[in-house]
Structure formats: C-alpha cells, structure tokens
PDB file of N, CA and C in Angstrom:
ATOM      1  N   UNK A   1      44.109 -45.185  38.398  1.00  0.00           N
ATOM      2  CA  UNK A   1      44.012 -45.682  37.087  1.00  0.00           C
ATOM      3  C   UNK A   1      43.906 -46.883  36.919  1.00  0.00           C
ATOM      4  N   UNK A   2      44.504 -48.045  37.956  1.00  0.00           N
ATOM      5  CA  UNK A   2      44.088 -49.694  37.808  1.00  0.00           C
ATOM      6  C   UNK A   2      42.763 -49.798  37.968  1.00  0.00           C
ATOM      7  N   UNK A   3      42.040 -48.820  38.941  1.00  0.00           N
ATOM      8  CA  UNK A   3      40.601 -49.352  38.955  1.00  0.00           C
ATOM      9  C   UNK A   3      39.515 -48.624  37.576  1.00  0.00           C
ATOM     10  N   UNK A   4      40.181 -48.057  36.902  1.00  0.00           N
ATOM     11  CA  UNK A   4      39.385 -47.410  35.576  1.00  0.00           C
ATOM     12  C   UNK A   4      39.863 -48.555  34.309  1.00  0.00           C
ATOM     13  N   UNK A   5      40.925 -49.108  34.730  1.00  0.00           N
ATOM     14  CA  UNK A   5      41.383 -50.468  33.622  1.00  0.00           C
ATOM     15  C   UNK A   5      40.510 -51.724  33.857  1.00  0.00           C
ATOM     16  N   UNK A   6      40.374 -51.915  34.793  1.00  0.00           N
ATOM     17  CA  UNK A   6      39.727 -52.939  35.522  1.00  0.00           C
ATOM     18  C   UNK A   6      38.413 -52.806  35.439  1.00  0.00           C
ATOM     19  N   UNK A   7      37.919 -51.314  35.305  1.00  0.00           N
ATOM     20  CA  UNK A   7      36.528 -51.131  35.187  1.00  0.00           C
ATOM     21  C   UNK A   7      36.193 -50.839  33.636  1.00  0.00           C
ATOM     22  N   UNK A   8      37.037 -50.896  32.881  1.00  0.00           N
ATOM     23  CA  UNK A   8      36.960 -50.723  31.419  1.00  0.00           C
ATOM     24  C   UNK A   8      37.165 -52.665  30.863  1.00  0.00           C
ATOM     25  N   UNK A   9      37.623 -53.136  31.337  1.00  0.00           N
ATOM     26  CA  UNK A   9      37.740 -54.836  31.295  1.00  0.00           C
ATOM     27  C   UNK A   9      36.248 -55.292  31.488  1.00  0.00           C
ATOM     28  N   UNK A  10      35.825 -54.922  32.612  1.00  0.00           N
ATOM     29  CA  UNK A  10      34.628 -55.544  33.388  1.00  0.00           C
ATOM     30  C   UNK A  10      33.553 -55.170  32.138  1.00  0.00           C
ATOM     31  N   UNK A  11      33.633 -54.154  31.418  1.00  0.00           N
ATOM     32  CA  UNK A  11      32.882 -52.889  30.572  1.00  0.00           C
ATOM     33  C   UNK A  11      33.147 -54.452  29.099  1.00  0.00           C
ATOM     34  N   UNK A  12      34.421 -54.277  28.753  1.00  0.00           N
ATOM     35  CA  UNK A  12      34.361 -55.157  27.493  1.00  0.00           C
ATOM     36  C   UNK A  12      33.904 -56.781  27.744  1.00  0.00           C
ATOM     37  N   UNK A  13      33.870 -57.167  29.359  1.00  0.00           N
ATOM     38  CA  UNK A  13      33.323 -58.520  29.419  1.00  0.00           C
ATOM     39  C   UNK A  13      31.760 -58.637  28.886  1.00  0.00           C
ATOM     40  N   UNK A  14      31.350 -57.710  29.411  1.00  0.00           N
ATOM     41  CA  UNK A  14      30.121 -57.316  29.364  1.00  0.00           C
ATOM     42  C   UNK A  14      29.316 -57.248  28.401  1.00  0.00           C
ATOM     43  N   UNK A  15      30.076 -56.547  27.399  1.00  0.00           N
ATOM     44  CA  UNK A  15      29.749 -56.235  25.768  1.00  0.00           C
ATOM     45  C   UNK A  15      29.083 -57.479  25.295  1.00  0.00           C
ATOM     46  N   UNK A  16      29.460 -58.767  25.583  1.00  0.00           N
ATOM     47  CA  UNK A  16      28.911 -59.948  25.137  1.00  0.00           C
ATOM     48  C   UNK A  16      27.773 -60.393  24.846  1.00  0.00           C
ATOM     49  N   UNK A  17      26.634 -60.526  24.407  1.00  0.00           N
ATOM     50  CA  UNK A  17      25.199 -60.656  24.045  1.00  0.00           C
ATOM     51  C   UNK A  17      25.035 -61.789  25.207  1.00  0.00           C
ATOM     52  N   UNK A  18      25.251 -61.966  26.029  1.00  0.00           N
ATOM     53  CA  UNK A  18      25.049 -63.239  27.164  1.00  0.00           C
ATOM     54  C   UNK A  18      23.654 -63.587  26.709  1.00  0.00           C
ATOM     55  N   UNK A  19      22.113 -62.619  26.830  1.00  0.00           N
ATOM     56  CA  UNK A  19      20.958 -63.021  26.830  1.00  0.00           C
ATOM     57  C   UNK A  19      20.496 -63.728  25.432  1.00  0.00           C
ATOM     58  N   UNK A  20      21.066 -63.144  24.312  1.00  0.00           N
ATOM     59  CA  UNK A  20      21.066 -63.847  22.868  1.00  0.00           C
ATOM     60  C   UNK A  20      21.737 -65.154  23.045  1.00  0.00           C
ATOM     61  N   UNK A  21      22.903 -64.647  23.610  1.00  0.00           N
ATOM     62  CA  UNK A  21      23.727 -66.648  23.335  1.00  0.00           C
ATOM     63  C   UNK A  21      22.498 -67.372  24.142  1.00  0.00           C
ATOM     64  N   UNK A  22      22.075 -66.837  25.232  1.00  0.00           N
ATOM     65  CA  UNK A  22      21.361 -68.131  26.132  1.00  0.00           C
ATOM     66  C   UNK A  22      19.914 -68.303  25.060  1.00  0.00           C
ATOM     67  N   UNK A  23      19.433 -67.437  24.565  1.00  0.00           N
ATOM     68  CA  UNK A  23      18.558 -67.766  23.853  1.00  0.00           C
ATOM     69  C   UNK A  23      18.405 -68.914  22.498  1.00  0.00           C
ATOM     70  N   UNK A  24      19.533 -68.361  21.868  1.00  0.00           N
ATOM     71  CA  UNK A  24      20.175 -68.881  21.400  1.00  0.00           C
ATOM     72  C   UNK A  24      20.544 -70.614  21.042  1.00  0.00           C
ATOM     73  N   UNK A  25      21.050 -70.771  22.048  1.00  0.00           N
ATOM     74  CA  UNK A  25      21.362 -72.120  22.307  1.00  0.00           C
ATOM     75  C   UNK A  25      20.085 -72.830  23.024  1.00  0.00           C
ATOM     76  N   UNK A  26      19.124 -72.305  23.556  1.00  0.00           N
ATOM     77  CA  UNK A  26      17.771 -72.707  24.065  1.00  0.00           C
ATOM     78  C   UNK A  26      17.132 -73.391  22.673  1.00  0.00           C
ATOM     79  N   UNK A  27      17.140 -72.425  21.696  1.00  0.00           N
ATOM     80  CA  UNK A  27      16.577 -72.318  20.291  1.00  0.00           C
ATOM     81  C   UNK A  27      17.203 -73.566  19.677  1.00  0.00           C
ATOM     82  N   UNK A  28      18.478 -73.664  19.057  1.00  0.00           N
ATOM     83  CA  UNK A  28      19.599 -74.400  18.615  1.00  0.00           C
ATOM     84  C   UNK A  28      19.454 -75.831  19.090  1.00  0.00           C
ATOM     85  N   UNK A  29      19.948 -75.595  20.245  1.00  0.00           N
ATOM     86  CA  UNK A  29      20.452 -77.051  20.657  1.00  0.00           C
ATOM     87  C   UNK A  29      19.426 -77.479  21.916  1.00  0.00           C
ATOM     88  N   UNK A  30      18.414 -77.283  22.172  1.00  0.00           N
ATOM     89  CA  UNK A  30      17.425 -77.132  23.182  1.00  0.00           C
ATOM     90  C   UNK A  30      18.019 -77.650  24.698  1.00  0.00           C
ATOM     91  N   UNK A  31      18.800 -76.592  24.741  1.00  0.00           N
ATOM     92  CA  UNK A  31      20.035 -76.941  25.678  1.00  0.00           C
ATOM     93  C   UNK A  31      19.693 -75.274  26.821  1.00  0.00           C
ATOM     94  N   UNK A  32      19.795 -75.826  28.227  1.00  0.00           N
ATOM     95  CA  UNK A  32      19.619 -74.533  29.059  1.00  0.00           C
ATOM     96  C   UNK A  32      20.901 -74.157  29.850  1.00  0.00           C
ATOM     97  N   UNK A  33      21.669 -74.732  29.398  1.00  0.00           N
ATOM     98  CA  UNK A  33      23.331 -74.356  29.722  1.00  0.00           C
ATOM     99  C   UNK A  33      23.716 -73.164  29.135  1.00  0.00           C
ATOM    100  N   UNK A  34      23.053 -72.486  28.086  1.00  0.00           N
ATOM    101  CA  UNK A  34      23.503 -70.818  27.904  1.00  0.00           C
ATOM    102  C   UNK A  34      22.691 -70.096  29.226  1.00  0.00           C
ATOM    103  N   UNK A  35      21.796 -70.329  29.996  1.00  0.00           N
ATOM    104  CA  UNK A  35      21.470 -69.494  30.500  1.00  0.00           C
ATOM    105  C   UNK A  35      21.990 -69.642  32.342  1.00  0.00           C
ATOM    106  N   UNK A  36      22.533 -70.897  31.943  1.00  0.00           N
ATOM    107  CA  UNK A  36      23.888 -71.062  33.120  1.00  0.00           C
ATOM    108  C   UNK A  36      25.052 -70.327  33.296  1.00  0.00           C
ATOM    109  N   UNK A  37      25.460 -70.565  31.824  1.00  0.00           N
ATOM    110  CA  UNK A  37      26.763 -69.828  31.605  1.00  0.00           C
ATOM    111  C   UNK A  37      26.429 -68.582  31.637  1.00  0.00           C
ATOM    112  N   UNK A  38      25.128 -67.944  31.215  1.00  0.00           N
ATOM    113  CA  UNK A  38      24.632 -66.441  31.421  1.00  0.00           C
ATOM    114  C   UNK A  38      24.782 -65.968  33.069  1.00  0.00           C
ATOM    115  N   UNK A  39      24.373 -66.633  33.720  1.00  0.00           N
ATOM    116  CA  UNK A  39      24.129 -66.660  34.992  1.00  0.00           C
ATOM    117  C   UNK A  39      25.501 -66.541  35.472  1.00  0.00           C
ATOM    118  N   UNK A  40      26.289 -67.336  35.747  1.00  0.00           N
ATOM    119  CA  UNK A  40      27.469 -67.616  36.423  1.00  0.00           C
ATOM    120  C   UNK A  40      28.596 -66.570  35.744  1.00  0.00           C
ATOM    121  N   UNK A  41      28.519 -66.270  34.718  1.00  0.00           N
ATOM    122  CA  UNK A  41      29.721 -65.124  34.204  1.00  0.00           C
ATOM    123  C   UNK A  41      29.112 -63.768  34.953  1.00  0.00           C
ATOM    124  N   UNK A  42      27.786 -63.763  34.194  1.00  0.00           N
ATOM    125  CA  UNK A  42      27.115 -62.060  34.781  1.00  0.00           C
ATOM    126  C   UNK A  42      27.729 -62.279  36.473  1.00  0.00           C
ATOM    127  N   UNK A  43      27.445 -62.930  36.957  1.00  0.00           N
ATOM    128  CA  UNK A  43      27.742 -63.195  38.338  1.00  0.00           C
ATOM    129  C   UNK A  43      28.912 -62.937  38.908  1.00  0.00           C
ATOM    130  N   UNK A  44      29.950 -63.297  38.433  1.00  0.00           N
ATOM    131  CA  UNK A  44      31.289 -63.551  38.715  1.00  0.00           C
ATOM    132  C   UNK A  44      31.630 -62.122  38.304  1.00  0.00           C
ATOM    133  N   UNK A  45      31.073 -61.324  37.228  1.00  0.00           N
ATOM    134  CA  UNK A  45      31.437 -60.076  37.011  1.00  0.00           C
ATOM    135  C   UNK A  45      31.094 -59.013  38.034  1.00  0.00           C
ATOM    136  N   UNK A  46      29.738 -59.384  38.411  1.00  0.00           N
ATOM    137  CA  UNK A  46      29.275 -58.431  39.222  1.00  0.00           C
ATOM    138  C   UNK A  46      29.601 -58.554  40.335  1.00  0.00           C
ATOM    139  N   UNK A  47      30.306 -59.788  40.374  1.00  0.00           N
ATOM    140  CA  UNK A  47      31.300 -59.844  42.175  1.00  0.00           C
ATOM    141  C   UNK A  47      32.642 -59.194  42.040  1.00  0.00           C
ATOM    142  N   UNK A  48      33.071 -59.297  40.832  1.00  0.00           N
ATOM    143  CA  UNK A  48      34.467 -58.363  40.526  1.00  0.00           C
ATOM    144  C   UNK A  48      34.424 -57.001  40.485  1.00  0.00           C
ATOM    145  N   UNK A  49      33.094 -56.817  40.150  1.00  0.00           N
ATOM    146  CA  UNK A  49      33.149 -55.381  39.751  1.00  0.00           C
ATOM    147  C   UNK A  49      32.609 -54.576  41.303  1.00  0.00           C
ATOM    148  N   UNK A  50      31.882 -55.239  42.338  1.00  0.00           N
ATOM    149  CA  UNK A  50      31.203 -54.732  43.483  1.00  0.00           C
ATOM    150  C   UNK A  50      33.273 -54.775  44.357  1.00  0.00           C
ATOM    151  N   UNK A  51      33.965 -55.709  44.211  1.00  0.00           N
ATOM    152  CA  UNK A  51      35.181 -56.052  44.821  1.00  0.00           C
ATOM    153  C   UNK A  51      36.002 -54.712  44.248  1.00  0.00           C
ATOM    154  N   UNK A  52      36.126 -54.366  42.988  1.00  0.00           N
ATOM    155  CA  UNK A  52      36.839 -53.121  42.690  1.00  0.00           C
ATOM    156  C   UNK A  52      36.685 -52.053  42.614  1.00  0.00           C
ATOM    157  N   UNK A  53      35.238 -51.882  43.368  1.00  0.00           N
ATOM    158  CA  UNK A  53      34.192 -50.566  43.199  1.00  0.00           C
ATOM    159  C   UNK A  53      34.016 -49.962  41.818  1.00  0.00           C
ATOM    160  N   UNK A  54      33.478 -51.018  40.951  1.00  0.00           N
ATOM    161  CA  UNK A  54      33.345 -50.498  39.389  1.00  0.00           C
ATOM    162  C   UNK A  54      31.921 -50.750  39.205  1.00  0.00           C
ATOM    163  N   UNK A  55      30.745 -50.066  39.978  1.00  0.00           N
ATOM    164  CA  UNK A  55      29.683 -50.402  39.943  1.00  0.00           C
ATOM    165  C   UNK A  55      28.856 -49.812  38.608  1.00  0.00           C
ATOM    166  N   UNK A  56      29.819 -48.367  38.500  1.00  0.00           N
ATOM    167  CA  UNK A  56      29.301 -48.054  37.284  1.00  0.00           C
ATOM    168  C   UNK A  56      29.348 -48.456  36.022  1.00  0.00           C
ATOM    169  N   UNK A  57      30.314 -49.436  36.197  1.00  0.00           N
ATOM    170  CA  UNK A  57      30.893 -50.290  34.667  1.00  0.00           C
ATOM    171  C   UNK A  57      30.026 -51.243  34.396  1.00  0.00           C
ATOM    172  N   UNK A  58      29.281 -51.895  35.759  1.00  0.00           N
ATOM    173  CA  UNK A  58      28.645 -53.056  35.844  1.00  0.00           C
ATOM    174  C   UNK A  58      27.154 -52.804  35.450  1.00  0.00           C
ATOM    175  N   UNK A  59      26.728 -51.224  35.660  1.00  0.00           N
ATOM    176  CA  UNK A  59      25.136 -50.936  35.263  1.00  0.00           C
ATOM    177  C   UNK A  59      25.608 -50.425  33.754  1.00  0.00           C
ATOM    178  N   UNK A  60      26.597 -49.912  33.074  1.00  0.00           N
ATOM    179  CA  UNK A  60      26.526 -49.635  31.741  1.00  0.00           C
ATOM    180  C   UNK A  60      26.762 -50.842  31.324  1.00  0.00           C
ATOM    181  N   UNK A  61      27.533 -51.708  31.767  1.00  0.00           N
ATOM    182  CA  UNK A  61      28.063 -53.166  30.649  1.00  0.00           C
ATOM    183  C   UNK A  61      26.692 -54.197  30.526  1.00  0.00           C
ATOM    184  N   UNK A  62      25.664 -53.654  31.651  1.00  0.00           N
ATOM    185  CA  UNK A  62      24.255 -54.713  31.416  1.00  0.00           C
ATOM    186  C   UNK A  62      23.220 -54.078  30.490  1.00  0.00           C
ATOM    187  N   UNK A  63      23.565 -52.900  30.568  1.00  0.00           N
ATOM    188  CA  UNK A  63      23.119 -51.893  29.600  1.00  0.00           C
ATOM    189  C   UNK A  63      23.196 -52.155  27.779  1.00  0.00           C
ATOM    190  N   UNK A  64      24.511 -52.135  27.676  1.00  0.00           N
ATOM    191  CA  UNK A  64      25.214 -52.776  26.688  1.00  0.00           C
ATOM    192  C   UNK A  64      25.003 -54.004  26.317  1.00  0.00           C
ATOM    193  N   UNK A  65      25.064 -54.782  27.096  1.00  0.00           N
ATOM    194  CA  UNK A  65      24.771 -56.288  26.818  1.00  0.00           C
ATOM    195  C   UNK A  65      23.346 -56.402  26.286  1.00  0.00           C
ATOM    196  N   UNK A  66      22.342 -56.206  26.794  1.00  0.00           N
ATOM    197  CA  UNK A  66      20.883 -55.833  26.721  1.00  0.00           C
ATOM    198  C   UNK A  66      20.892 -55.531  25.016  1.00  0.00           C
ATOM    199  N   UNK A  67      21.321 -54.026  24.838  1.00  0.00           N
ATOM    200  CA  UNK A  67      21.223 -53.454  23.529  1.00  0.00           C
ATOM    201  C   UNK A  67      21.806 -54.019  22.499  1.00  0.00           C
ATOM    202  N   UNK A  68      22.866 -55.158  22.747  1.00  0.00           N
ATOM    203  CA  UNK A  68      23.761 -56.170  21.474  1.00  0.00           C
ATOM    204  C   UNK A  68      22.638 -57.254  21.607  1.00  0.00           C
ATOM    205  N   UNK A  69      22.505 -58.118  22.703  1.00  0.00           N
ATOM    206  CA  UNK A  69      21.372 -59.137  22.393  1.00  0.00           C
ATOM    207  C   UNK A  69      20.065 -58.674  22.004  1.00  0.00           C
ATOM    208  N   UNK A  70      19.693 -57.276  21.954  1.00  0.00           N
ATOM    209  CA  UNK A  70      18.401 -57.133  21.582  1.00  0.00           C
ATOM    210  C   UNK A  70      18.713 -56.821  20.118  1.00  0.00           C
ATOM    211  N   UNK A  71      20.047 -56.138  19.423  1.00  0.00           N
ATOM    212  CA  UNK A  71      20.323 -56.266  18.257  1.00  0.00           C
ATOM    213  C   UNK A  71      20.316 -57.411  17.131  1.00  0.00           C
ATOM    214  N   UNK A  72      20.729 -58.533  17.725  1.00  0.00           N
ATOM    215  CA  UNK A  72      20.911 -59.741  17.438  1.00  0.00           C
ATOM    216  C   UNK A  72      19.586 -60.393  17.523  1.00  0.00           C
ATOM    217  N   UNK A  73      18.585 -60.577  18.406  1.00  0.00           N
ATOM    218  CA  UNK A  73      17.650 -60.920  18.780  1.00  0.00           C
ATOM    219  C   UNK A  73      16.795 -60.332  17.060  1.00  0.00           C
ATOM    220  N   UNK A  74      16.464 -59.188  17.251  1.00  0.00           N
ATOM    221  CA  UNK A  74      16.120 -58.661  15.816  1.00  0.00           C
ATOM    222  C   UNK A  74      16.194 -59.107  15.015  1.00  0.00           C
ATOM    223  N   UNK A  75      17.636 -59.426  14.439  1.00  0.00           N
ATOM    224  CA  UNK A  75      18.423 -60.039  13.122  1.00  0.00           C
ATOM    225  C   UNK A  75      17.469 -61.337  12.731  1.00  0.00           C
ATOM    226  N   UNK A  76      16.895 -61.848  13.823  1.00  0.00           N
ATOM    227  CA  UNK A  76      16.393 -63.312  13.653  1.00  0.00           C
ATOM    228  C   UNK A  76      14.598 -63.118  13.823  1.00  0.00           C
ATOM    229  N   UNK A  77      14.333 -61.874  13.531  1.00  0.00           N
ATOM    230  CA  UNK A  77      13.032 -61.689  13.526  1.00  0.00           C
ATOM    231  C   UNK A  77      12.184 -62.331  12.313  1.00  0.00           C
ATOM    232  N   UNK A  78      13.017 -62.284  11.559  1.00  0.00           N
ATOM    233  CA  UNK A  78      12.258 -62.967   9.818  1.00  0.00           C
ATOM    234  C   UNK A  78      11.902 -64.942  10.020  1.00  0.00           C
ATOM    235  N   UNK A  79      12.545 -65.203  10.893  1.00  0.00           N
ATOM    236  CA  UNK A  79      12.498 -66.826  11.254  1.00  0.00           C
ATOM    237  C   UNK A  79      11.361 -66.973  11.907  1.00  0.00           C
ATOM    238  N   UNK A  80      10.405 -67.890  11.448  1.00  0.00           N
ATOM    239  CA  UNK A  80       9.231 -68.320  11.978  1.00  0.00           C
ATOM    240  C   UNK A  80       9.093 -69.109  13.068  1.00  0.00           C
ATOM    241  N   UNK A  81      10.249 -70.054  13.044  1.00  0.00           N
ATOM    242  CA  UNK A  81      10.529 -71.016  14.038  1.00  0.00           C
ATOM    243  C   UNK A  81      11.020 -70.379  15.374  1.00  0.00           C
ATOM    244  N   UNK A  82      11.816 -69.582  14.904  1.00  0.00           N
ATOM    245  CA  UNK A  82      12.477 -68.504  16.145  1.00  0.00           C
ATOM    246  C   UNK A  82      11.364 -67.784  16.848  1.00  0.00           C
ATOM    247  N   UNK A  83      10.646 -67.585  15.973  1.00  0.00           N
ATOM    248  CA  UNK A  83       8.976 -66.341  16.551  1.00  0.00           C
ATOM    249  C   UNK A  83       8.414 -66.840  17.415  1.00  0.00           C
ATOM    250  N   UNK A  84       8.087 -68.565  16.668  1.00  0.00           N
ATOM    251  CA  UNK A  84       7.307 -69.210  17.361  1.00  0.00           C
ATOM    252  C   UNK A  84       7.925 -70.272  18.997  1.00  0.00           C
ATOM    253  N   UNK A  85       8.918 -70.076  18.866  1.00  0.00           N
ATOM    254  CA  UNK A  85       9.499 -71.176  19.696  1.00  0.00           C
ATOM    255  C   UNK A  85       9.833 -70.627  21.245  1.00  0.00           C
ATOM    256  N   UNK A  86       9.560 -69.423  21.528  1.00  0.00           N
ATOM    257  CA  UNK A  86       9.410 -68.684  22.895  1.00  0.00           C
ATOM    258  C   UNK A  86       8.143 -68.356  23.308  1.00  0.00           C
ATOM    259  N   UNK A  87       6.996 -68.906  22.749  1.00  0.00           N
ATOM    260  CA  UNK A  87       5.988 -68.605  23.187  1.00  0.00           C
ATOM    261  C   UNK A  87       5.917 -69.010  24.529  1.00  0.00           C
ATOM    262  N   UNK A  88       4.834 -68.581  25.622  1.00  0.00           N
ATOM    263  CA  UNK A  88       3.934 -67.455  24.836  1.00  0.00           C
ATOM    264  C   UNK A  88       4.249 -66.010  24.990  1.00  0.00           C
ATOM    265  N   UNK A  89       5.726 -66.026  24.877  1.00  0.00           N
ATOM    266  CA  UNK A  89       6.049 -64.678  24.528  1.00  0.00           C
ATOM    267  C   UNK A  89       6.821 -64.685  23.820  1.00  0.00           C
ATOM    268  N   UNK A  90       7.198 -63.313  22.756  1.00  0.00           N
ATOM    269  CA  UNK A  90       7.776 -63.008  22.274  1.00  0.00           C
ATOM    270  C   UNK A  90       9.403 -63.076  22.474  1.00  0.00           C
ATOM    271  N   UNK A  91      10.465 -62.896  21.410  1.00  0.00           N
ATOM    272  CA  UNK A  91      11.453 -63.137  21.767  1.00  0.00           C
ATOM    273  C   UNK A  91      12.200 -61.836  22.181  1.00  0.00           C
ATOM    274  N   UNK A  92      11.336 -60.779  21.435  1.00  0.00           N
ATOM    275  CA  UNK A  92      11.944 -59.756  22.561  1.00  0.00           C
ATOM    276  C   UNK A  92      11.516 -59.275  23.867  1.00  0.00           C
ATOM    277  N   UNK A  93      10.285 -59.870  24.222  1.00  0.00           N
ATOM    278  CA  UNK A  93       9.685 -59.795  25.679  1.00  0.00           C
ATOM    279  C   UNK A  93      10.347 -60.545  26.354  1.00  0.00           C
ATOM    280  N   UNK A  94      10.862 -61.605  26.102  1.00  0.00           N
ATOM    281  CA  UNK A  94      11.794 -62.675  26.651  1.00  0.00           C
ATOM    282  C   UNK A  94      13.145 -62.166  26.952  1.00  0.00           C
ATOM    283  N   UNK A  95      13.751 -61.021  26.033  1.00  0.00           N
ATOM    284  CA  UNK A  95      14.899 -60.295  26.191  1.00  0.00           C
ATOM    285  C   UNK A  95      14.907 -60.002  27.271  1.00  0.00           C
ATOM    286  N   UNK A  96      13.722 -59.178  27.466  1.00  0.00           N
ATOM    287  CA  UNK A  96      13.477 -57.974  28.829  1.00  0.00           C
ATOM    288  C   UNK A  96      13.451 -58.931  29.936  1.00  0.00           C
ATOM    289  N   UNK A  97      12.351 -59.710  29.974  1.00  0.00           N
ATOM    290  CA  UNK A  97      12.540 -61.013  31.086  1.00  0.00           C
ATOM    291  C   UNK A  97      13.628 -61.614  31.175  1.00  0.00           C
ATOM    292  N   UNK A  98      14.536 -61.981  30.413  1.00  0.00           N
ATOM    293  CA  UNK A  98      15.649 -62.577  31.094  1.00  0.00           C
ATOM    294  C   UNK A  98      16.653 -61.722  31.244  1.00  0.00           C
ATOM    295  N   UNK A  99      16.701 -60.327  31.175  1.00  0.00           N
ATOM    296  CA  UNK A  99      17.838 -59.165  31.364  1.00  0.00           C
ATOM    297  C   UNK A  99      17.584 -59.026  33.069  1.00  0.00           C
ATOM    298  N   UNK A 100      16.260 -58.811  33.110  1.00  0.00           N
ATOM    299  CA  UNK A 100      15.609 -58.381  34.384  1.00  0.00           C
ATOM    300  C   UNK A 100      16.069 -59.631  35.367  1.00  0.00           C
ATOM    301  N   UNK A 101      15.571 -60.801  34.868  1.00  0.00           N
ATOM    302  CA  UNK A 101      15.624 -61.904  35.928  1.00  0.00           C
ATOM    303  C   UNK A 101      17.015 -62.212  36.194  1.00  0.00           C
ATOM    304  N   UNK A 102      18.138 -61.698  35.239  1.00  0.00           N
ATOM    305  CA  UNK A 102      19.390 -62.053  35.606  1.00  0.00           C
ATOM    306  C   UNK A 102      20.160 -61.050  36.144  1.00  0.00           C
ATOM    307  N   UNK A 103      19.543 -60.117  36.924  1.00  0.00           N
ATOM    308  CA  UNK A 103      19.827 -58.795  37.515  1.00  0.00           C
ATOM    309  C   UNK A 103      19.630 -59.642  39.354  1.00  0.00           C
ATOM    310  N   UNK A 104      18.725 -60.338  39.218  1.00  0.00           N
ATOM    311  CA  UNK A 104      18.814 -60.989  40.955  1.00  0.00           C
ATOM    312  C   UNK A 104      20.337 -61.721  41.104  1.00  0.00           C
ATOM    313  N   UNK A 105      20.975 -62.798  40.851  1.00  0.00           N
ATOM    314  CA  UNK A 105      21.916 -63.200  40.932  1.00  0.00           C
ATOM    315  C   UNK A 105      23.293 -62.672  40.741  1.00  0.00           C
ATOM    316  N   UNK A 106      22.422 -61.021  40.231  1.00  0.00           N
ATOM    317  CA  UNK A 106      24.415 -60.305  40.403  1.00  0.00           C
ATOM    318  C   UNK A 106      24.121 -59.448  41.414  1.00  0.00           C
ATOM    319  N   UNK A 107      22.820 -59.144  41.773  1.00  0.00           N
ATOM    320  CA  UNK A 107      22.504 -58.417  43.199  1.00  0.00           C
ATOM    321  C   UNK A 107      23.075 -59.314  44.216  1.00  0.00           C
ATOM    322  N   UNK A 108      22.685 -60.884  44.285  1.00  0.00           N
ATOM    323  CA  UNK A 108      23.175 -61.770  45.239  1.00  0.00           C
ATOM    324  C   UNK A 108      24.818 -61.631  45.149  1.00  0.00           C
ATOM    325  N   UNK A 109      25.372 -61.754  44.106  1.00  0.00           N
ATOM    326  CA  UNK A 109      26.640 -61.768  44.083  1.00  0.00           C
ATOM    327  C   UNK A 109      27.465 -60.435  44.522  1.00  0.00           C
ATOM    328  N   UNK A 110      27.154 -59.046  44.072  1.00  0.00           N
ATOM    329  CA  UNK A 110      27.442 -57.931  45.033  1.00  0.00           C
ATOM    330  C   UNK A 110      27.555 -58.117  46.449  1.00  0.00           C
ATOM    331  N   UNK A 111      26.315 -58.560  46.992  1.00  0.00           N
ATOM    332  CA  UNK A 111      26.071 -58.619  48.505  1.00  0.00           C
ATOM    333  C   UNK A 111      26.673 -59.466  48.981  1.00  0.00           C
ATOM    334  N   UNK A 112      27.475 -60.631  48.173  1.00  0.00           N
ATOM    335  CA  UNK A 112      28.419 -61.245  49.057  1.00  0.00           C
ATOM    336  C   UNK A 112      29.720 -60.850  49.146  1.00  0.00           C
ATOM    337  N   UNK A 113      30.018 -59.695  47.801  1.00  0.00           N
ATOM    338  CA  UNK A 113      31.397 -59.326  47.477  1.00  0.00           C
ATOM    339  C   UNK A 113      31.488 -58.251  48.680  1.00  0.00           C
ATOM    340  N   UNK A 114      30.304 -57.685  49.317  1.00  0.00           N
ATOM    341  CA  UNK A 114      30.213 -56.391  50.009  1.00  0.00           C
ATOM    342  C   UNK A 114      30.398 -57.250  51.373  1.00  0.00           C
ATOM    343  N   UNK A 115      29.743 -58.168  51.721  1.00  0.00           N
ATOM    344  CA  UNK A 115      30.035 -58.717  52.906  1.00  0.00           C
ATOM    345  C   UNK A 115      31.336 -59.730  53.148  1.00  0.00           C
ATOM    346  N   UNK A 116      32.153 -59.939  51.729  1.00  0.00           N
ATOM    347  CA  UNK A 116      33.561 -60.433  52.178  1.00  0.00           C
ATOM    348  C   UNK A 116      34.519 -59.235  52.504  1.00  0.00           C
ATOM    349  N   UNK A 117      33.845 -57.949  51.833  1.00  0.00           N
ATOM    350  CA  UNK A 117      35.036 -56.976  51.996  1.00  0.00           C
ATOM    351  C   UNK A 117      34.851 -56.174  53.344  1.00  0.00           C
ATOM    352  N   UNK A 118      33.637 -56.484  54.164  1.00  0.00           N
ATOM    353  CA  UNK A 118      33.613 -55.531  55.384  1.00  0.00           C
ATOM    354  C   UNK A 118      34.034 -56.520  56.258  1.00  0.00           C
ATOM    355  N   UNK A 119      34.124 -57.994  56.195  1.00  0.00           N
ATOM    356  CA  UNK A 119      35.147 -59.101  56.749  1.00  0.00           C
ATOM    357  C   UNK A 119      36.543 -58.387  56.811  1.00  0.00           C
ATOM    358  N   UNK A 120      36.650 -58.243  55.848  1.00  0.00           N
ATOM    359  CA  UNK A 120      38.201 -58.252  55.724  1.00  0.00           C
ATOM    360  C   UNK A 120      39.117 -56.830  56.346  1.00  0.00           C
ATOM    361  N   UNK A 121      37.638 -55.807  56.178  1.00  0.00           N
ATOM    362  CA  UNK A 121      38.172 -54.671  56.802  1.00  0.00           C
ATOM    363  C   UNK A 121      38.455 -54.668  58.169  1.00  0.00           C
ATOM    364  N   UNK A 122      37.618 -55.659  58.740  1.00  0.00           N
ATOM    365  CA  UNK A 122      37.148 -55.844  60.218  1.00  0.00           C
ATOM    366  C   UNK A 122      38.475 -56.278  60.629  1.00  0.00           C
TER     367      UNK A 122
END
C-alpha cells in the first residue's frame, strides 16, 4: 500500500507542466532557470521513483506533464511574440524536444538510484 501511495504522490508532482513553465520563464523573464528547475525536479522524482520501484508512475507522470504543458502552450498560440520567440522551432516542436531531452537526466537519475540500491543490498 505504501508503494502505491508514494507512486500516486510522484504522479501528482509530475502533473505540473514543467516544460511549459520552463518555456514561459524563458519567454517572459529571459531566464534559463526554469529549465534548470525542470531538470532538477524531474530528476529527483525519477530517482525516488526508481528507489520506490514506481517506474510506471514515472512514465505516466512524464506523459501527463507533456500533455498538460501542451494544453498550456496551445493557449498561447495566438500570441505572435510567443510564436516568434522560439525560432527556428515552433513552441509545440520545442515542447516535444524539451520533453525528450528532459528524459536524459531522468535516465541518469534512475541509473544512480539503481546503483545505490545495489550497493545497499551487497
């Protein structure tokens, strides 16, 4: 039961639109800190997801985060400044690229969690 509860917590934390938040911070404040926030938080969630054997919730959370980000980005579609800011990519294309690139630090976090778990068992 505790595994399921921690999985639901991970899923809830993943439902935040990290990619949209990062892109919006870049657009509005010209700050890359949103991307750093996204990388750190999602990597920590991936680490704890692997430690608690909740990889299903990690995958589902990444998908839900991308969908929620897509909804928010679609709402900004009428803003010409928003559309032109992320050239040469469209905002939706950048969403896909950021979502895929964000998986790389998550894989590293999973790898670190797996190694630390193996060391504890030995």
